[in-house]
N, C-alpha and C. Protein backbone atom coordinates (compact mmCIF):
# COMPACT_ATOMS: atom_id res chain seq x y z
N MET A 1 15.03 30.74 42.85
CA MET A 1 15.72 31.29 42.34
C MET A 1 15.82 32.77 42.82
N LEU A 2 14.39 33.35 43.03
CA LEU A 2 14.49 34.77 42.97
C LEU A 2 15.32 34.67 44.48
N GLY A 3 15.16 34.45 45.27
CA GLY A 3 15.65 34.34 46.47
C GLY A 3 17.13 34.41 46.51
N SER A 4 17.95 33.30 44.92
CA SER A 4 19.23 33.62 45.29
C SER A 4 19.19 34.88 44.55
N LEU A 5 18.78 35.08 43.71
CA LEU A 5 19.42 36.01 42.83
C LEU A 5 19.30 37.42 43.71
N LEU A 6 18.68 37.90 44.87
CA LEU A 6 18.27 38.70 45.70
C LEU A 6 19.27 38.47 46.98
N ALA A 7 19.79 37.27 47.02
CA ALA A 7 21.17 37.02 48.15
C ALA A 7 22.11 37.72 47.16
N LEU A 8 22.27 37.33 46.21
CA LEU A 8 23.19 37.67 45.16
C LEU A 8 23.66 39.31 45.24
N LEU A 9 22.19 40.11 45.07
CA LEU A 9 22.28 41.44 44.92
C LEU A 9 22.77 42.03 46.70
N VAL A 10 22.43 41.49 47.12
CA VAL A 10 22.86 41.80 48.86
C VAL A 10 24.03 41.69 48.76
N GLY A 11 24.60 40.74 48.87
CA GLY A 11 26.41 40.56 48.15
C GLY A 11 26.90 41.30 47.85
N ALA A 12 26.15 41.82 46.51
CA ALA A 12 27.17 42.58 45.46
C ALA A 12 26.86 44.46 46.09
N LEU A 13 25.54 44.33 47.18
CA LEU A 13 25.53 45.56 47.87
C LEU A 13 27.17 45.28 49.39
N HIS A 14 27.22 44.35 49.48
CA HIS A 14 27.91 44.14 50.36
C HIS A 14 30.03 44.75 50.09
N VAL A 15 29.45 44.14 48.87
CA VAL A 15 31.28 44.16 48.20
C VAL A 15 31.66 46.14 48.20
N TYR A 16 30.18 46.59 47.30
CA TYR A 16 30.44 47.92 47.24
C TYR A 16 30.65 48.80 48.38
N PHE A 17 29.72 48.21 49.93
CA PHE A 17 30.42 48.64 51.08
C PHE A 17 31.90 48.85 51.27
N LEU A 18 32.40 47.65 51.32
CA LEU A 18 33.52 47.31 51.44
C LEU A 18 34.86 47.69 50.49
N VAL A 19 34.54 48.43 49.00
CA VAL A 19 35.15 49.07 48.52
C VAL A 19 34.89 50.27 48.84
N LEU A 20 33.54 51.44 49.39
CA LEU A 20 33.68 52.24 49.63
C LEU A 20 34.37 52.47 51.48
N GLU A 21 34.10 51.56 52.30
CA GLU A 21 34.83 51.70 53.68
C GLU A 21 36.84 50.93 53.50
N MET A 22 36.69 50.51 52.62
CA MET A 22 38.17 50.16 52.79
C MET A 22 39.18 51.07 51.27
N PHE A 23 38.28 51.30 50.82
CA PHE A 23 39.38 52.15 50.05
C PHE A 23 39.04 53.39 49.07
N LEU A 24 37.85 53.49 49.65
CA LEU A 24 37.10 55.49 49.09
C LEU A 24 36.95 55.76 50.53
N TRP A 25 37.40 55.53 51.25
CA TRP A 25 36.92 56.43 52.90
C TRP A 25 36.74 57.66 52.98
N THR A 26 38.85 57.97 52.66
CA THR A 26 39.13 59.43 52.89
C THR A 26 39.18 59.58 51.56
N LYS A 27 38.63 59.19 50.49
CA LYS A 27 38.84 59.88 48.70
C LYS A 27 37.29 61.05 49.42
N PRO A 28 37.39 61.73 47.72
CA PRO A 28 36.10 62.62 47.57
C PRO A 28 35.02 61.80 47.35
N TYR A 29 34.75 60.65 46.95
CA TYR A 29 33.94 59.78 46.78
C TYR A 29 32.80 59.67 48.09
N GLY A 30 33.92 59.03 48.33
CA GLY A 30 33.99 58.32 49.93
C GLY A 30 33.19 59.20 50.72
N ARG A 31 34.26 60.18 50.96
CA ARG A 31 33.57 61.17 52.21
C ARG A 31 31.88 61.90 51.91
N LYS A 32 32.23 62.00 50.59
CA LYS A 32 30.79 62.46 49.58
C LYS A 32 29.70 61.07 50.25
N VAL A 33 29.69 60.44 50.15
CA VAL A 33 28.80 59.30 50.68
C VAL A 33 28.63 59.17 52.01
N PHE A 34 29.43 59.50 52.77
CA PHE A 34 28.67 59.43 53.75
C PHE A 34 29.40 60.51 54.59
N ARG A 35 29.46 61.98 53.98
CA ARG A 35 29.39 62.99 54.32
C ARG A 35 30.12 63.50 55.35
N LEU A 36 31.59 63.17 55.32
CA LEU A 36 32.63 63.01 56.13
C LEU A 36 33.98 64.48 55.86
N ASP A 37 34.06 64.78 56.83
CA ASP A 37 34.97 65.73 56.92
C ASP A 37 36.41 65.24 56.85
N PRO A 38 37.43 66.12 55.65
CA PRO A 38 39.01 64.93 55.65
C PRO A 38 39.37 64.50 56.89
N ALA A 39 39.23 65.37 57.76
CA ALA A 39 40.32 65.04 59.24
C ALA A 39 38.94 64.04 60.32
N PHE A 40 38.18 63.73 60.39
CA PHE A 40 37.82 63.00 60.39
C PHE A 40 37.74 61.52 59.64
N ALA A 41 37.70 61.66 58.31
CA ALA A 41 38.37 60.76 57.31
C ALA A 41 39.06 60.07 57.90
N GLU A 42 40.06 60.63 58.06
CA GLU A 42 42.15 60.48 58.58
C GLU A 42 41.68 59.64 59.45
N LYS A 43 41.11 60.18 60.36
CA LYS A 43 41.46 59.62 61.89
C LYS A 43 40.41 58.09 61.70
N SER A 44 39.43 58.05 61.25
CA SER A 44 38.79 57.09 61.37
C SER A 44 39.06 55.99 60.00
N ALA A 45 40.01 56.36 59.26
CA ALA A 45 40.09 55.08 58.46
C ALA A 45 40.43 53.89 58.39
N THR A 46 40.76 53.17 59.47
CA THR A 46 41.39 52.16 60.12
C THR A 46 40.06 51.21 60.96
N LEU A 47 39.17 52.50 61.11
CA LEU A 47 37.96 51.86 61.88
C LEU A 47 37.07 51.94 60.66
N ALA A 48 37.22 52.07 59.34
CA ALA A 48 36.25 51.94 58.61
C ALA A 48 36.67 51.10 57.37
N ALA A 49 37.94 50.46 57.30
CA ALA A 49 38.78 49.76 56.47
C ALA A 49 38.33 48.30 57.42
N ASN A 50 37.77 48.25 59.25
CA ASN A 50 37.44 47.39 59.33
C ASN A 50 36.07 46.54 58.96
N GLN A 51 35.23 48.23 59.55
CA GLN A 51 34.00 47.71 58.72
C GLN A 51 34.29 46.75 57.35
N GLY A 52 34.66 47.37 56.51
CA GLY A 52 34.63 47.05 55.15
C GLY A 52 35.05 45.79 55.00
N LEU A 53 36.24 45.42 56.00
CA LEU A 53 36.21 43.72 55.78
C LEU A 53 35.41 43.25 55.86
N TYR A 54 34.93 43.27 57.17
CA TYR A 54 33.85 42.41 57.56
C TYR A 54 32.43 42.39 56.46
N ASN A 55 31.86 44.14 55.83
CA ASN A 55 31.14 43.62 54.37
C ASN A 55 31.28 42.42 53.50
N GLY A 56 32.79 42.32 53.71
CA GLY A 56 33.18 41.53 52.72
C GLY A 56 32.83 40.41 52.46
N PHE A 57 33.21 39.89 54.04
CA PHE A 57 32.47 38.18 54.37
C PHE A 57 31.60 38.13 54.53
N LEU A 58 30.40 39.06 54.80
CA LEU A 58 28.98 38.80 54.86
C LEU A 58 28.60 38.24 53.05
N ALA A 59 29.28 39.39 52.25
CA ALA A 59 29.44 38.96 50.37
C ALA A 59 30.15 37.84 50.15
N ALA A 60 31.21 37.35 50.96
CA ALA A 60 31.56 36.11 50.41
C ALA A 60 31.17 35.20 51.02
N GLY A 61 30.18 34.72 52.39
CA GLY A 61 29.40 34.09 52.79
C GLY A 61 28.26 34.12 51.98
N LEU A 62 27.21 35.05 51.52
CA LEU A 62 26.34 35.10 50.26
C LEU A 62 26.24 34.46 49.28
N CYS A 63 27.80 34.35 48.56
CA CYS A 63 28.14 33.86 47.23
C CYS A 63 28.80 32.61 47.24
N TYR A 64 28.71 32.39 48.43
CA TYR A 64 29.35 30.91 48.72
C TYR A 64 28.00 30.13 49.50
N GLY A 65 26.98 30.72 49.83
CA GLY A 65 26.09 29.81 50.00
C GLY A 65 25.11 29.80 48.50
N VAL A 66 25.03 30.81 48.05
CA VAL A 66 24.29 30.71 46.26
C VAL A 66 24.58 29.52 45.82
N VAL A 67 26.23 29.83 45.86
CA VAL A 67 27.16 28.88 44.43
C VAL A 67 26.95 27.18 45.05
N THR A 68 26.74 26.92 46.60
CA THR A 68 26.79 25.76 46.80
C THR A 68 25.29 25.06 47.12
N GLY A 69 24.38 26.10 46.92
CA GLY A 69 22.51 25.80 47.50
C GLY A 69 22.50 25.42 48.63
N SER A 70 23.42 26.23 49.51
CA SER A 70 23.32 25.93 50.65
C SER A 70 21.77 27.00 51.18
N THR A 71 20.97 26.37 51.73
CA THR A 71 20.08 27.57 51.77
C THR A 71 19.97 27.94 53.42
N GLU A 72 20.88 26.97 54.59
CA GLU A 72 20.98 27.40 55.97
C GLU A 72 22.24 28.41 55.45
N PHE A 73 22.89 28.39 55.01
CA PHE A 73 24.01 28.96 54.80
C PHE A 73 23.97 30.46 54.90
N ILE A 74 23.05 31.03 53.12
CA ILE A 74 22.49 31.79 52.72
C ILE A 74 21.94 32.35 53.71
N LEU A 75 20.90 31.71 54.21
CA LEU A 75 19.66 32.52 55.34
C LEU A 75 20.86 33.01 56.49
N PHE A 76 21.65 32.00 56.90
CA PHE A 76 22.55 32.54 58.59
C PHE A 76 23.25 33.96 57.64
N PHE A 77 23.92 34.00 56.29
CA PHE A 77 24.57 35.32 56.09
C PHE A 77 23.46 36.62 56.12
N LEU A 78 21.59 36.11 55.83
CA LEU A 78 20.99 37.09 55.73
C LEU A 78 20.61 37.71 57.02
N VAL A 79 20.75 36.43 57.57
CA VAL A 79 19.85 37.53 59.32
C VAL A 79 21.27 38.39 59.41
N CYS A 80 22.73 37.66 59.90
CA CYS A 80 23.85 38.92 60.34
C CYS A 80 23.62 39.89 59.03
N VAL A 81 23.09 40.06 58.03
CA VAL A 81 23.13 41.43 57.25
C VAL A 81 21.76 42.30 57.86
N ILE A 82 20.84 41.95 57.90
CA ILE A 82 19.45 42.19 58.84
C ILE A 82 19.92 42.81 60.00
N ILE A 83 20.56 42.26 61.13
CA ILE A 83 21.17 42.14 62.09
C ILE A 83 22.01 43.47 62.07
N ALA A 84 22.98 43.24 61.68
CA ALA A 84 23.90 44.46 61.53
C ALA A 84 23.28 45.99 60.82
N GLY A 85 22.70 45.45 59.66
CA GLY A 85 21.75 47.01 59.63
C GLY A 85 20.93 47.45 60.55
N ALA A 86 20.06 46.41 61.02
CA ALA A 86 19.28 47.28 62.20
C ALA A 86 19.76 48.20 63.04
N TYR A 87 21.04 47.41 63.94
CA TYR A 87 21.69 47.76 64.38
C TYR A 87 22.51 49.41 64.15
N GLY A 88 22.94 49.73 62.53
CA GLY A 88 23.39 50.30 62.24
C GLY A 88 22.52 51.67 62.23
N GLY A 89 21.08 51.25 61.67
CA GLY A 89 19.76 51.83 61.73
C GLY A 89 19.61 52.55 62.87
N ALA A 90 19.72 51.77 64.08
CA ALA A 90 19.28 52.49 65.27
C ALA A 90 20.64 53.17 65.79
N THR A 91 21.67 52.98 65.28
CA THR A 91 23.14 53.69 65.70
C THR A 91 23.50 54.52 65.23
N VAL A 92 23.57 54.70 64.28
CA VAL A 92 24.55 55.27 63.00
C VAL A 92 23.41 56.12 62.64
N LYS A 93 22.75 56.06 60.81
CA LYS A 93 21.57 56.78 60.80
C LYS A 93 20.39 55.83 60.44
N PRO A 94 19.22 56.29 59.97
CA PRO A 94 17.77 55.27 59.93
C PRO A 94 17.80 54.92 58.22
N ILE A 95 18.66 55.49 57.70
CA ILE A 95 18.66 55.62 56.00
C ILE A 95 19.21 53.22 56.10
N ILE A 96 20.20 53.00 57.18
CA ILE A 96 20.78 52.54 56.78
C ILE A 96 19.87 50.95 57.19
N TYR A 97 18.25 51.20 57.92
CA TYR A 97 17.42 50.21 57.37
C TYR A 97 17.09 49.99 56.32
N TYR A 98 17.30 51.20 55.04
CA TYR A 98 16.49 50.75 53.79
C TYR A 98 17.64 50.17 53.04
N VAL A 99 19.07 50.84 53.35
CA VAL A 99 20.26 50.19 52.38
C VAL A 99 21.11 49.15 52.77
N GLN A 100 20.57 48.49 53.70
CA GLN A 100 20.71 47.51 54.07
C GLN A 100 20.22 46.26 55.24
N ALA A 101 19.41 46.29 56.02
CA ALA A 101 18.05 45.57 56.49
C ALA A 101 17.28 45.01 55.43
N ALA A 102 16.39 46.23 54.71
CA ALA A 102 15.28 46.06 54.28
C ALA A 102 16.12 45.07 53.01
N PRO A 103 17.05 45.35 52.11
CA PRO A 103 17.09 44.09 50.87
C PRO A 103 17.57 42.77 51.70
N GLY A 104 18.03 43.01 52.52
CA GLY A 104 18.51 41.30 53.53
C GLY A 104 17.52 41.21 53.83
N LEU A 105 16.49 41.67 54.17
CA LEU A 105 15.08 40.41 54.73
C LEU A 105 14.19 40.07 53.54
N ALA A 106 14.09 41.14 52.83
CA ALA A 106 13.39 40.86 51.19
C ALA A 106 14.25 39.57 50.73
N ALA A 107 15.62 39.22 50.65
CA ALA A 107 16.26 38.12 50.25
C ALA A 107 15.65 37.03 50.85
N ALA A 108 15.97 37.39 52.47
CA ALA A 108 15.59 36.15 53.34
C ALA A 108 14.11 35.89 53.20
N ALA A 109 12.86 36.24 53.20
CA ALA A 109 11.45 36.16 52.56
C ALA A 109 11.78 35.67 51.64
N ALA A 110 12.12 35.95 50.11
CA ALA A 110 12.37 35.13 49.04
C ALA A 110 12.71 33.61 49.04
N VAL A 111 13.96 33.41 50.06
CA VAL A 111 14.76 32.56 49.61
C VAL A 111 13.66 31.37 50.86
N LEU A 112 13.02 31.86 52.06
CA LEU A 112 12.24 31.03 52.81
C LEU A 112 10.96 30.63 52.28
N LEU A 113 10.11 31.40 51.56
CA LEU A 113 9.11 30.50 50.62
C LEU A 113 9.55 30.25 49.32
N GLY A 114 11.13 29.81 49.27
CA GLY A 114 11.25 29.44 47.76
C GLY A 114 11.00 29.90 46.63
N LEU A 115 11.24 31.11 46.65
CA LEU A 115 11.16 31.84 45.33
C LEU A 115 12.27 31.56 44.75
């Protein structure tokens, strides 16, 4: 139960990332969150939207896994989240370890422990 709830929380985070990257990237709130100047935000909006779409796929996969009760499906998508978070933390900003990878790792641990 706890593992499923944490997986849904991770899914909700990725829906939030989707909205930020696909719809708010060039808006004041999105620029503030990502500390972007307006010119860079405009130039990189298509790339950000692509990232947002991938975050949506992660959220959809986690939700599907929880709804169907597929532990394997949940773990697959959590591992994807962890890898993406680790890569982002190493290549973009270390805070991504805490915002993306750590929640994914906590959810995966709970699922593996049967919590």
